[in-house]
Amino acid sequence: MVLVITFKDENMQELPPIALVKTWLEVVQQLDFPITIREKRGKLLTYYFGSIKQAQRYVEDNDDYCQRAS
């Protein structure tokens, strides 16, 4: 009998939908939103992608795929 135990690795998390990522990026860049909201969205982007730049790259790389699939 073999027992396999798996742990949820932080790197195995699902990414949020691309539309949500695009919205978070817009919020972070717009100065008319309160700073606390922009900071929270920035933290979410950093949590999922490591940096805002990586989140932007994710959108650039995958946005045309989503448009072709629809």
C-alpha atoms as a PDB file:
ATOM      1  CA  MET A   1       0.000   0.000   0.000  1.00  0.00           C
ATOM      2  CA  VAL A   2       1.360   3.385  -1.019  1.00  0.00           C
ATOM      3  CA  LEU A   3       0.215   6.564   0.678  1.00  0.00           C
ATOM      4  CA  VAL A   4       0.708   9.759  -1.279  1.00  0.00           C
ATOM      5  CA  ILE A   5       0.428  13.041   0.552  1.00  0.00           C
ATOM      6  CA  THR A   6       0.261  16.230  -1.453  1.00  0.00           C
ATOM      7  CA  PHE A   7       0.491  19.737  -0.153  1.00  0.00           C
ATOM      8  CA  LYS A   8      -0.843  22.755  -1.942  1.00  0.00           C
ATOM      9  CA  ASP A   9       2.214  24.609  -3.129  1.00  0.00           C
ATOM     10  CA  GLU A  10       1.939  28.380  -3.477  1.00  0.00           C
ATOM     11  CA  ASN A  11       3.159  28.061  -7.062  1.00  0.00           C
ATOM     12  CA  MET A  12       0.253  25.743  -7.926  1.00  0.00           C
ATOM     13  CA  GLN A  13      -2.437  28.355  -7.297  1.00  0.00           C
ATOM     14  CA  GLU A  14      -4.915  29.171 -10.004  1.00  0.00           C
ATOM     15  CA  LEU A  15      -4.547  32.539 -11.630  1.00  0.00           C
ATOM     16  CA  PRO A  16      -7.486  34.938 -11.578  1.00  0.00           C
ATOM     17  CA  PRO A  17      -9.446  35.467 -14.824  1.00  0.00           C
ATOM     18  CA  ILE A  18      -7.664  37.741 -17.297  1.00  0.00           C
ATOM     19  CA  ALA A  19     -10.532  40.276 -17.236  1.00  0.00           C
ATOM     20  CA  LEU A  20     -10.056  40.666 -13.485  1.00  0.00           C
ATOM     21  CA  VAL A  21      -6.288  41.068 -13.867  1.00  0.00           C
ATOM     22  CA  LYS A  22      -6.864  43.770 -16.494  1.00  0.00           C
ATOM     23  CA  THR A  23      -9.225  45.581 -14.128  1.00  0.00           C
ATOM     24  CA  TRP A  24      -6.715  45.417 -11.266  1.00  0.00           C
ATOM     25  CA  LEU A  25      -4.005  46.816 -13.551  1.00  0.00           C
ATOM     26  CA  GLU A  26      -6.283  49.693 -14.575  1.00  0.00           C
ATOM     27  CA  VAL A  27      -7.078  50.488 -10.930  1.00  0.00           C
ATOM     28  CA  VAL A  28      -3.390  50.499  -9.969  1.00  0.00           C
ATOM     29  CA  GLN A  29      -2.556  52.946 -12.764  1.00  0.00           C
ATOM     30  CA  GLN A  30      -5.435  55.406 -12.248  1.00  0.00           C
ATOM     31  CA  LEU A  31      -4.643  58.178  -9.804  1.00  0.00           C
ATOM     32  CA  ASP A  32      -8.290  59.078  -9.178  1.00  0.00           C
ATOM     33  CA  PHE A  33      -8.783  55.914  -7.074  1.00  0.00           C
ATOM     34  CA  PRO A  34      -7.977  56.152  -3.353  1.00  0.00           C
ATOM     35  CA  ILE A  35      -4.425  55.062  -2.541  1.00  0.00           C
ATOM     36  CA  THR A  36      -5.647  52.267  -0.247  1.00  0.00           C
ATOM     37  CA  ILE A  37      -7.597  50.652  -3.083  1.00  0.00           C
ATOM     38  CA  ARG A  38      -4.671  50.981  -5.496  1.00  0.00           C
ATOM     39  CA  GLU A  39      -2.330  49.455  -2.903  1.00  0.00           C
ATOM     40  CA  LYS A  40      -4.653  46.497  -2.274  1.00  0.00           C
ATOM     41  CA  ARG A  41      -4.924  45.745  -6.002  1.00  0.00           C
ATOM     42  CA  GLY A  42      -1.165  46.089  -6.328  1.00  0.00           C
ATOM     43  CA  LYS A  43      -0.693  43.581  -3.511  1.00  0.00           C
ATOM     44  CA  LEU A  44      -3.071  41.145  -5.228  1.00  0.00           C
ATOM     45  CA  LEU A  45      -1.140  41.448  -8.485  1.00  0.00           C
ATOM     46  CA  THR A  46       2.143  40.925  -6.656  1.00  0.00           C
ATOM     47  CA  TYR A  47       0.715  37.926  -4.811  1.00  0.00           C
ATOM     48  CA  TYR A  48      -0.392  36.168  -8.000  1.00  0.00           C
ATOM     49  CA  PHE A  49       2.344  37.276 -10.408  1.00  0.00           C
ATOM     50  CA  GLY A  50       5.319  38.390  -8.330  1.00  0.00           C
ATOM     51  CA  SER A  51       5.175  41.948  -9.687  1.00  0.00           C
ATOM     52  CA  ILE A  52       2.915  44.323 -11.556  1.00  0.00           C
ATOM     53  CA  LYS A  53       5.244  44.072 -14.559  1.00  0.00           C
ATOM     54  CA  GLN A  54       4.743  40.284 -14.662  1.00  0.00           C
ATOM     55  CA  ALA A  55       0.963  40.770 -14.477  1.00  0.00           C
ATOM     56  CA  GLN A  56       1.163  43.134 -17.444  1.00  0.00           C
ATOM     57  CA  ARG A  57       3.211  40.579 -19.354  1.00  0.00           C
ATOM     58  CA  TYR A  58       0.643  37.877 -18.512  1.00  0.00           C
ATOM     59  CA  VAL A  59      -2.143  40.034 -19.969  1.00  0.00           C
ATOM     60  CA  GLU A  60      -0.111  40.880 -23.076  1.00  0.00           C
ATOM     61  CA  ASP A  61       0.749  37.228 -23.685  1.00  0.00           C
ATOM     62  CA  ASN A  62      -2.754  35.869 -23.091  1.00  0.00           C
ATOM     63  CA  ASP A  63      -5.172  38.613 -24.107  1.00  0.00           C
ATOM     64  CA  ASP A  64      -5.131  37.765 -27.802  1.00  0.00           C
ATOM     65  CA  TYR A  65      -5.690  34.082 -26.963  1.00  0.00           C
ATOM     66  CA  CYS A  66      -8.878  34.979 -25.064  1.00  0.00           C
ATOM     67  CA  GLN A  67     -10.130  37.106 -27.959  1.00  0.00           C
ATOM     68  CA  ARG A  68      -9.510  34.282 -30.450  1.00  0.00           C
ATOM     69  CA  ALA A  69     -11.310  31.762 -28.207  1.00  0.00           C
ATOM     70  CA  SER A  70     -14.500  33.843 -28.006  1.00  0.00           C
END
